[in-house]
Amino acid sequence: MDKLRWSGELRIEVVRQGQVVARETVPNLITDKGLNFLAGALAQVHKANGGITQIAVGTGGAAPSAGDTALGTEVYRAEVDSISVSGTGQIEVKAHIPDYAANVQIEEIGFFAEGSGSVDLFSRILYSRLKNNLEQINLIYTGTIGRV
């Protein structure tokens, strides 16, 4: 019998005046709510409007924990730009933080999934950057389910 494993990573691109000035790839922690969402999707609990629908950034710097249900100190939230199946067992979620938003010391990023009438923290990532109004941050989350 196959064993399955979910993994994810976040590619972050900082863009200033149309040029990528910084690029980083960081791992993420799938929260307990995120694991429950995946199990619910397989059990067809999330039949409509399910999926990763929102991103948020915050200033909280506590280490991610499986029991997290929110960012430590959320300062900005937005809908994702797109979500697609990008390969066998793989999704890609794209979002961005525009130049006019979240011009603070960012310490955390969260992806939120919608299903069963609620929006829950799916994944939490620590990422430190003092963002200013001259830069946009592009977020590309890749989630992969595969055989162990």
N, C-alpha and C. Protein backbone atom coordinates (compact mmCIF):
# COMPACT_ATOMS: atom_id res chain seq x y z
N MET A 1 0.84 -1.17 0.00
CA MET A 1 0.00 0.00 0.00
C MET A 1 0.89 1.24 0.00
N ASP A 2 0.51 2.23 -0.81
CA ASP A 2 1.27 3.48 -0.88
C ASP A 2 1.05 4.32 0.37
N LYS A 3 2.12 4.98 0.79
CA LYS A 3 2.03 6.01 1.82
C LYS A 3 2.18 7.34 1.11
N LEU A 4 1.42 8.33 1.56
CA LEU A 4 1.44 9.64 0.92
C LEU A 4 2.03 10.68 1.85
N ARG A 5 2.58 11.71 1.24
CA ARG A 5 3.17 12.80 2.01
C ARG A 5 2.88 14.11 1.30
N TRP A 6 2.51 15.15 2.06
CA TRP A 6 2.30 16.48 1.51
C TRP A 6 3.51 17.33 1.89
N SER A 7 4.04 18.06 0.94
CA SER A 7 5.11 19.00 1.23
C SER A 7 4.82 20.30 0.50
N GLY A 8 5.36 21.36 1.00
CA GLY A 8 5.15 22.65 0.36
C GLY A 8 6.33 23.57 0.56
N GLU A 9 6.45 24.50 -0.38
CA GLU A 9 7.48 25.52 -0.25
C GLU A 9 6.95 26.81 -0.85
N LEU A 10 7.52 27.91 -0.43
CA LEU A 10 7.10 29.21 -0.90
C LEU A 10 8.28 29.92 -1.54
N ARG A 11 8.09 30.30 -2.81
CA ARG A 11 9.08 31.14 -3.50
C ARG A 11 8.63 32.58 -3.34
N ILE A 12 9.56 33.42 -2.93
CA ILE A 12 9.27 34.82 -2.68
C ILE A 12 10.16 35.66 -3.59
N GLU A 13 9.53 36.57 -4.33
CA GLU A 13 10.27 37.48 -5.19
C GLU A 13 9.92 38.91 -4.80
N VAL A 14 10.94 39.71 -4.55
CA VAL A 14 10.74 41.13 -4.25
C VAL A 14 11.04 41.90 -5.53
N VAL A 15 10.06 42.68 -5.98
CA VAL A 15 10.17 43.41 -7.24
C VAL A 15 10.16 44.91 -6.95
N ARG A 16 11.17 45.58 -7.49
CA ARG A 16 11.24 47.04 -7.36
C ARG A 16 11.42 47.64 -8.75
N GLN A 17 10.52 48.50 -9.14
CA GLN A 17 10.54 49.15 -10.46
C GLN A 17 10.66 48.13 -11.59
N GLY A 18 9.89 47.05 -11.48
CA GLY A 18 9.85 46.03 -12.52
C GLY A 18 11.00 45.04 -12.52
N GLN A 19 11.95 45.18 -11.62
CA GLN A 19 13.10 44.28 -11.56
C GLN A 19 13.05 43.45 -10.28
N VAL A 20 13.33 42.15 -10.40
CA VAL A 20 13.43 41.29 -9.22
C VAL A 20 14.73 41.64 -8.51
N VAL A 21 14.63 42.10 -7.26
CA VAL A 21 15.81 42.50 -6.49
C VAL A 21 16.19 41.49 -5.42
N ALA A 22 15.28 40.56 -5.11
CA ALA A 22 15.58 39.51 -4.13
C ALA A 22 14.69 38.31 -4.43
N ARG A 23 15.24 37.13 -4.21
CA ARG A 23 14.51 35.88 -4.45
C ARG A 23 14.90 34.91 -3.33
N GLU A 24 13.90 34.22 -2.80
CA GLU A 24 14.15 33.27 -1.71
C GLU A 24 13.10 32.17 -1.75
N THR A 25 13.50 30.96 -1.39
CA THR A 25 12.58 29.84 -1.27
C THR A 25 12.63 29.34 0.17
N VAL A 26 11.45 29.26 0.80
CA VAL A 26 11.39 28.86 2.20
C VAL A 26 10.39 27.72 2.38
N PRO A 27 10.66 26.81 3.32
CA PRO A 27 9.70 25.74 3.60
C PRO A 27 8.54 26.30 4.41
N ASN A 28 7.49 25.51 4.54
CA ASN A 28 6.32 25.95 5.30
C ASN A 28 5.92 24.86 6.27
N LEU A 29 5.06 25.24 7.20
CA LEU A 29 4.46 24.28 8.13
C LEU A 29 2.98 24.19 7.77
N ILE A 30 2.51 22.99 7.49
CA ILE A 30 1.08 22.77 7.28
C ILE A 30 0.47 22.62 8.67
N THR A 31 -0.51 23.45 8.99
CA THR A 31 -1.13 23.41 10.31
C THR A 31 -2.07 22.20 10.43
N ASP A 32 -2.51 21.94 11.65
CA ASP A 32 -3.50 20.87 11.85
C ASP A 32 -4.76 21.15 11.05
N LYS A 33 -5.19 22.42 11.01
CA LYS A 33 -6.37 22.79 10.21
C LYS A 33 -6.11 22.50 8.73
N GLY A 34 -4.87 22.73 8.28
CA GLY A 34 -4.51 22.43 6.89
C GLY A 34 -4.59 20.94 6.59
N LEU A 35 -4.09 20.11 7.50
CA LEU A 35 -4.18 18.66 7.32
C LEU A 35 -5.64 18.21 7.33
N ASN A 36 -6.44 18.80 8.22
CA ASN A 36 -7.87 18.46 8.25
C ASN A 36 -8.56 18.89 6.96
N PHE A 37 -8.14 20.02 6.40
CA PHE A 37 -8.70 20.46 5.12
C PHE A 37 -8.39 19.45 4.02
N LEU A 38 -7.14 18.99 3.95
CA LEU A 38 -6.75 18.00 2.93
C LEU A 38 -7.55 16.72 3.09
N ALA A 39 -7.69 16.25 4.33
CA ALA A 39 -8.48 15.04 4.56
C ALA A 39 -9.93 15.26 4.16
N GLY A 40 -10.48 16.43 4.49
CA GLY A 40 -11.86 16.74 4.13
C GLY A 40 -12.05 16.81 2.63
N ALA A 41 -11.05 17.32 1.91
CA ALA A 41 -11.15 17.37 0.45
C ALA A 41 -11.22 15.96 -0.13
N LEU A 42 -10.44 15.05 0.41
CA LEU A 42 -10.47 13.67 -0.07
C LEU A 42 -11.79 12.99 0.27
N ALA A 43 -12.39 13.39 1.38
CA ALA A 43 -13.67 12.81 1.79
C ALA A 43 -14.86 13.57 1.20
N GLN A 44 -14.59 14.51 0.32
CA GLN A 44 -15.59 15.33 -0.35
C GLN A 44 -16.43 16.17 0.62
N VAL A 45 -15.82 16.56 1.72
CA VAL A 45 -16.49 17.45 2.65
C VAL A 45 -16.57 18.85 2.03
N HIS A 46 -15.53 19.23 1.29
CA HIS A 46 -15.43 20.57 0.69
C HIS A 46 -15.86 20.49 -0.77
N LYS A 47 -17.13 20.35 -1.03
CA LYS A 47 -17.62 20.15 -2.39
C LYS A 47 -17.67 21.44 -3.20
N ALA A 48 -17.86 22.58 -2.57
CA ALA A 48 -17.95 23.84 -3.30
C ALA A 48 -17.11 24.90 -2.61
N ASN A 49 -16.53 25.77 -3.39
CA ASN A 49 -15.76 26.90 -2.89
C ASN A 49 -14.59 26.49 -2.00
N GLY A 50 -14.07 25.31 -2.18
CA GLY A 50 -12.93 24.88 -1.38
C GLY A 50 -11.62 25.29 -2.02
N GLY A 51 -10.57 25.25 -1.26
CA GLY A 51 -9.25 25.54 -1.78
C GLY A 51 -8.57 26.67 -1.03
N ILE A 52 -7.32 26.89 -1.37
CA ILE A 52 -6.57 27.99 -0.79
C ILE A 52 -7.05 29.26 -1.48
N THR A 53 -7.63 30.17 -0.71
CA THR A 53 -8.28 31.35 -1.30
C THR A 53 -7.67 32.68 -0.89
N GLN A 54 -6.91 32.70 0.22
CA GLN A 54 -6.40 33.97 0.73
C GLN A 54 -4.98 33.83 1.23
N ILE A 55 -4.26 34.97 1.20
CA ILE A 55 -2.95 35.06 1.84
C ILE A 55 -3.01 36.21 2.83
N ALA A 56 -2.13 36.16 3.80
CA ALA A 56 -2.03 37.26 4.76
C ALA A 56 -0.58 37.37 5.20
N VAL A 57 -0.20 38.57 5.64
CA VAL A 57 1.12 38.78 6.22
C VAL A 57 0.94 39.42 7.58
N GLY A 58 1.94 39.22 8.43
CA GLY A 58 1.86 39.76 9.77
C GLY A 58 3.22 40.11 10.32
N THR A 59 3.20 40.61 11.55
CA THR A 59 4.43 41.04 12.20
C THR A 59 4.83 40.13 13.36
N GLY A 60 4.08 39.05 13.59
CA GLY A 60 4.40 38.12 14.67
C GLY A 60 5.57 37.22 14.29
N GLY A 61 6.49 37.03 15.20
CA GLY A 61 7.68 36.25 14.89
C GLY A 61 7.79 34.93 15.62
N ALA A 62 6.73 34.49 16.29
CA ALA A 62 6.80 33.21 17.01
C ALA A 62 6.96 32.06 16.01
N ALA A 63 7.65 31.03 16.42
CA ALA A 63 7.87 29.87 15.56
C ALA A 63 6.52 29.25 15.18
N PRO A 64 6.38 28.82 13.92
CA PRO A 64 5.13 28.16 13.51
C PRO A 64 4.89 26.89 14.33
N SER A 65 3.62 26.63 14.60
CA SER A 65 3.22 25.45 15.36
C SER A 65 2.07 24.77 14.63
N ALA A 66 2.01 23.46 14.70
CA ALA A 66 0.93 22.71 14.03
C ALA A 66 -0.44 23.17 14.49
N GLY A 67 -0.56 23.65 15.72
CA GLY A 67 -1.84 24.09 16.26
C GLY A 67 -2.21 25.53 15.94
N ASP A 68 -1.37 26.25 15.17
CA ASP A 68 -1.69 27.64 14.82
C ASP A 68 -3.01 27.71 14.08
N THR A 69 -3.83 28.69 14.43
CA THR A 69 -5.11 28.92 13.75
C THR A 69 -5.18 30.31 13.13
N ALA A 70 -4.18 31.15 13.40
CA ALA A 70 -4.12 32.51 12.86
C ALA A 70 -2.67 32.96 12.86
N LEU A 71 -2.39 34.02 12.14
CA LEU A 71 -1.07 34.63 12.24
C LEU A 71 -0.96 35.31 13.60
N GLY A 72 0.27 35.51 14.04
CA GLY A 72 0.47 36.14 15.34
C GLY A 72 -0.11 37.54 15.38
N THR A 73 0.24 38.37 14.39
CA THR A 73 -0.26 39.74 14.31
C THR A 73 -0.49 40.07 12.83
N GLU A 74 -1.67 39.77 12.34
CA GLU A 74 -1.98 40.00 10.93
C GLU A 74 -2.13 41.49 10.63
N VAL A 75 -1.50 41.93 9.50
CA VAL A 75 -1.60 43.34 9.11
C VAL A 75 -2.17 43.52 7.70
N TYR A 76 -2.24 42.46 6.91
CA TYR A 76 -2.75 42.58 5.53
C TYR A 76 -3.25 41.21 5.08
N ARG A 77 -4.41 41.22 4.39
CA ARG A 77 -4.97 39.98 3.83
C ARG A 77 -5.53 40.28 2.45
N ALA A 78 -5.40 39.33 1.53
CA ALA A 78 -5.92 39.49 0.17
C ALA A 78 -6.28 38.14 -0.42
N GLU A 79 -7.11 38.18 -1.45
CA GLU A 79 -7.42 36.97 -2.21
C GLU A 79 -6.19 36.55 -3.01
N VAL A 80 -6.04 35.25 -3.27
CA VAL A 80 -4.93 34.80 -4.11
C VAL A 80 -5.21 35.23 -5.55
N ASP A 81 -4.16 35.36 -6.33
CA ASP A 81 -4.30 35.74 -7.74
C ASP A 81 -4.76 34.56 -8.59
N SER A 82 -4.19 33.37 -8.32
CA SER A 82 -4.56 32.18 -9.09
C SER A 82 -4.15 30.93 -8.33
N ILE A 83 -4.81 29.83 -8.68
CA ILE A 83 -4.44 28.51 -8.16
C ILE A 83 -4.66 27.52 -9.29
N SER A 84 -3.70 26.62 -9.46
CA SER A 84 -3.80 25.67 -10.57
C SER A 84 -3.09 24.37 -10.21
N VAL A 85 -3.45 23.33 -10.93
CA VAL A 85 -2.73 22.07 -10.85
C VAL A 85 -1.55 22.23 -11.80
N SER A 86 -0.33 22.16 -11.26
CA SER A 86 0.85 22.46 -12.07
C SER A 86 1.65 21.22 -12.45
N GLY A 87 1.23 20.07 -12.00
CA GLY A 87 1.91 18.81 -12.30
C GLY A 87 1.20 17.69 -11.58
N THR A 88 1.66 16.48 -11.77
CA THR A 88 1.05 15.33 -11.10
C THR A 88 1.17 15.51 -9.59
N GLY A 89 0.02 15.58 -8.93
CA GLY A 89 0.01 15.72 -7.47
C GLY A 89 0.51 17.07 -6.98
N GLN A 90 0.47 18.10 -7.81
CA GLN A 90 1.07 19.37 -7.44
C GLN A 90 0.12 20.54 -7.74
N ILE A 91 0.07 21.48 -6.79
CA ILE A 91 -0.68 22.72 -7.01
C ILE A 91 0.28 23.90 -6.93
N GLU A 92 -0.11 24.98 -7.58
CA GLU A 92 0.65 26.23 -7.50
C GLU A 92 -0.33 27.35 -7.19
N VAL A 93 -0.04 28.10 -6.16
CA VAL A 93 -0.86 29.22 -5.74
C VAL A 93 -0.02 30.49 -5.90
N LYS A 94 -0.57 31.45 -6.64
CA LYS A 94 0.14 32.72 -6.84
C LYS A 94 -0.63 33.85 -6.17
N ALA A 95 0.12 34.73 -5.54
CA ALA A 95 -0.46 35.90 -4.88
C ALA A 95 0.61 36.99 -4.87
N HIS A 96 0.19 38.19 -4.52
CA HIS A 96 1.18 39.26 -4.40
C HIS A 96 0.73 40.26 -3.34
N ILE A 97 1.72 40.96 -2.82
CA ILE A 97 1.48 42.06 -1.89
C ILE A 97 1.88 43.33 -2.66
N PRO A 98 0.92 44.18 -3.00
CA PRO A 98 1.25 45.36 -3.82
C PRO A 98 2.12 46.36 -3.08
N ASP A 99 2.70 47.26 -3.84
CA ASP A 99 3.61 48.25 -3.27
C ASP A 99 2.96 49.12 -2.19
N TYR A 100 1.67 49.37 -2.29
CA TYR A 100 1.00 50.27 -1.34
C TYR A 100 0.54 49.57 -0.06
N ALA A 101 0.70 48.26 0.04
CA ALA A 101 0.17 47.51 1.18
C ALA A 101 1.28 46.94 2.06
N ALA A 102 0.96 46.76 3.32
CA ALA A 102 1.82 46.07 4.29
C ALA A 102 3.24 46.62 4.31
N ASN A 103 3.38 47.93 4.37
CA ASN A 103 4.71 48.55 4.44
C ASN A 103 5.17 48.60 5.89
N VAL A 104 5.52 47.41 6.37
CA VAL A 104 5.93 47.18 7.76
C VAL A 104 7.04 46.14 7.76
N GLN A 105 7.54 45.84 8.95
CA GLN A 105 8.49 44.74 9.11
C GLN A 105 7.69 43.44 9.08
N ILE A 106 7.65 42.79 7.92
CA ILE A 106 6.93 41.52 7.78
C ILE A 106 7.74 40.42 8.45
N GLU A 107 7.07 39.58 9.23
CA GLU A 107 7.74 38.46 9.90
C GLU A 107 7.08 37.12 9.60
N GLU A 108 5.86 37.14 9.05
CA GLU A 108 5.14 35.89 8.84
C GLU A 108 4.20 36.01 7.64
N ILE A 109 3.99 34.87 7.00
CA ILE A 109 3.07 34.78 5.86
C ILE A 109 2.16 33.59 6.11
N GLY A 110 0.88 33.75 5.81
CA GLY A 110 -0.07 32.67 5.97
C GLY A 110 -0.89 32.45 4.72
N PHE A 111 -1.20 31.20 4.44
CA PHE A 111 -2.13 30.84 3.37
C PHE A 111 -3.37 30.26 4.03
N PHE A 112 -4.55 30.68 3.56
CA PHE A 112 -5.80 30.30 4.19
C PHE A 112 -6.66 29.52 3.21
N ALA A 113 -7.28 28.44 3.70
CA ALA A 113 -8.14 27.58 2.87
C ALA A 113 -9.59 27.75 3.31
N GLU A 114 -10.46 27.72 2.31
CA GLU A 114 -11.89 27.88 2.55
C GLU A 114 -12.58 26.55 2.33
N GLY A 115 -13.41 26.17 3.28
CA GLY A 115 -14.16 24.93 3.14
C GLY A 115 -15.08 24.74 4.33
N SER A 116 -16.19 24.09 4.14
CA SER A 116 -17.16 23.83 5.20
C SER A 116 -17.57 25.09 5.93
N GLY A 117 -17.68 26.21 5.21
CA GLY A 117 -18.20 27.44 5.80
C GLY A 117 -17.22 28.25 6.61
N SER A 118 -15.93 27.89 6.60
CA SER A 118 -14.96 28.68 7.35
C SER A 118 -13.70 28.87 6.51
N VAL A 119 -12.89 29.84 6.91
CA VAL A 119 -11.59 30.09 6.28
C VAL A 119 -10.55 29.86 7.35
N ASP A 120 -9.69 28.86 7.15
CA ASP A 120 -8.74 28.45 8.18
C ASP A 120 -7.30 28.58 7.70
N LEU A 121 -6.40 28.83 8.65
CA LEU A 121 -4.97 28.90 8.35
C LEU A 121 -4.50 27.52 7.89
N PHE A 122 -4.07 27.45 6.65
CA PHE A 122 -3.61 26.20 6.04
C PHE A 122 -2.11 26.01 6.26
N SER A 123 -1.36 27.10 6.08
CA SER A 123 0.09 27.03 6.14
C SER A 123 0.64 28.33 6.69
N ARG A 124 1.71 28.25 7.47
CA ARG A 124 2.35 29.43 8.05
C ARG A 124 3.84 29.38 7.80
N ILE A 125 4.40 30.51 7.40
CA ILE A 125 5.81 30.61 7.03
C ILE A 125 6.41 31.81 7.74
N LEU A 126 7.61 31.64 8.31
CA LEU A 126 8.34 32.80 8.84
C LEU A 126 9.18 33.38 7.71
N TYR A 127 9.10 34.70 7.54
CA TYR A 127 9.85 35.41 6.51
C TYR A 127 10.03 36.83 6.99
N SER A 128 11.27 37.28 7.08
CA SER A 128 11.54 38.60 7.64
C SER A 128 11.99 39.56 6.54
N ARG A 129 11.24 40.67 6.42
CA ARG A 129 11.61 41.72 5.47
C ARG A 129 10.93 43.03 5.87
N LEU A 130 11.71 44.10 5.85
CA LEU A 130 11.15 45.43 6.03
C LEU A 130 10.68 45.88 4.65
N LYS A 131 9.38 45.79 4.41
CA LYS A 131 8.80 46.14 3.12
C LYS A 131 8.52 47.63 3.06
N ASN A 132 8.72 48.21 1.86
CA ASN A 132 8.42 49.63 1.69
C ASN A 132 7.51 49.83 0.48
N ASN A 133 7.10 51.06 0.24
CA ASN A 133 6.14 51.35 -0.81
C ASN A 133 6.75 51.38 -2.21
N LEU A 134 8.01 51.01 -2.34
CA LEU A 134 8.65 50.93 -3.66
C LEU A 134 8.71 49.50 -4.17
N GLU A 135 8.25 48.54 -3.36
CA GLU A 135 8.38 47.15 -3.78
C GLU A 135 7.08 46.37 -3.64
N GLN A 136 6.93 45.45 -4.55
CA GLN A 136 5.84 44.47 -4.54
C GLN A 136 6.47 43.13 -4.21
N ILE A 137 5.77 42.30 -3.46
CA ILE A 137 6.27 40.97 -3.15
C ILE A 137 5.36 39.95 -3.83
N ASN A 138 5.96 39.12 -4.68
CA ASN A 138 5.24 38.04 -5.35
C ASN A 138 5.43 36.76 -4.56
N LEU A 139 4.35 36.02 -4.35
CA LEU A 139 4.37 34.77 -3.60
C LEU A 139 3.91 33.65 -4.51
N ILE A 140 4.72 32.59 -4.60
CA ILE A 140 4.37 31.42 -5.41
C ILE A 140 4.51 30.19 -4.50
N TYR A 141 3.38 29.67 -4.06
CA TYR A 141 3.36 28.50 -3.17
C TYR A 141 3.17 27.24 -4.00
N THR A 142 4.04 26.27 -3.80
CA THR A 142 3.91 24.98 -4.46
C THR A 142 3.66 23.91 -3.42
N GLY A 143 2.56 23.20 -3.56
CA GLY A 143 2.22 22.10 -2.67
C GLY A 143 2.23 20.81 -3.47
N THR A 144 2.86 19.79 -2.91
CA THR A 144 2.99 18.53 -3.62
C THR A 144 2.57 17.37 -2.73
N ILE A 145 1.70 16.51 -3.28
CA ILE A 145 1.37 15.26 -2.60
C ILE A 145 2.00 14.15 -3.43
N GLY A 146 2.73 13.27 -2.75
CA GLY A 146 3.41 12.21 -3.48
C GLY A 146 3.58 10.98 -2.61
N ARG A 147 4.08 9.96 -3.24
CA ARG A 147 4.32 8.69 -2.53
C ARG A 147 5.62 8.78 -1.74
N VAL A 148 5.60 8.18 -0.56
CA VAL A 148 6.79 8.16 0.29
C VAL A 148 7.62 6.96 -0.08
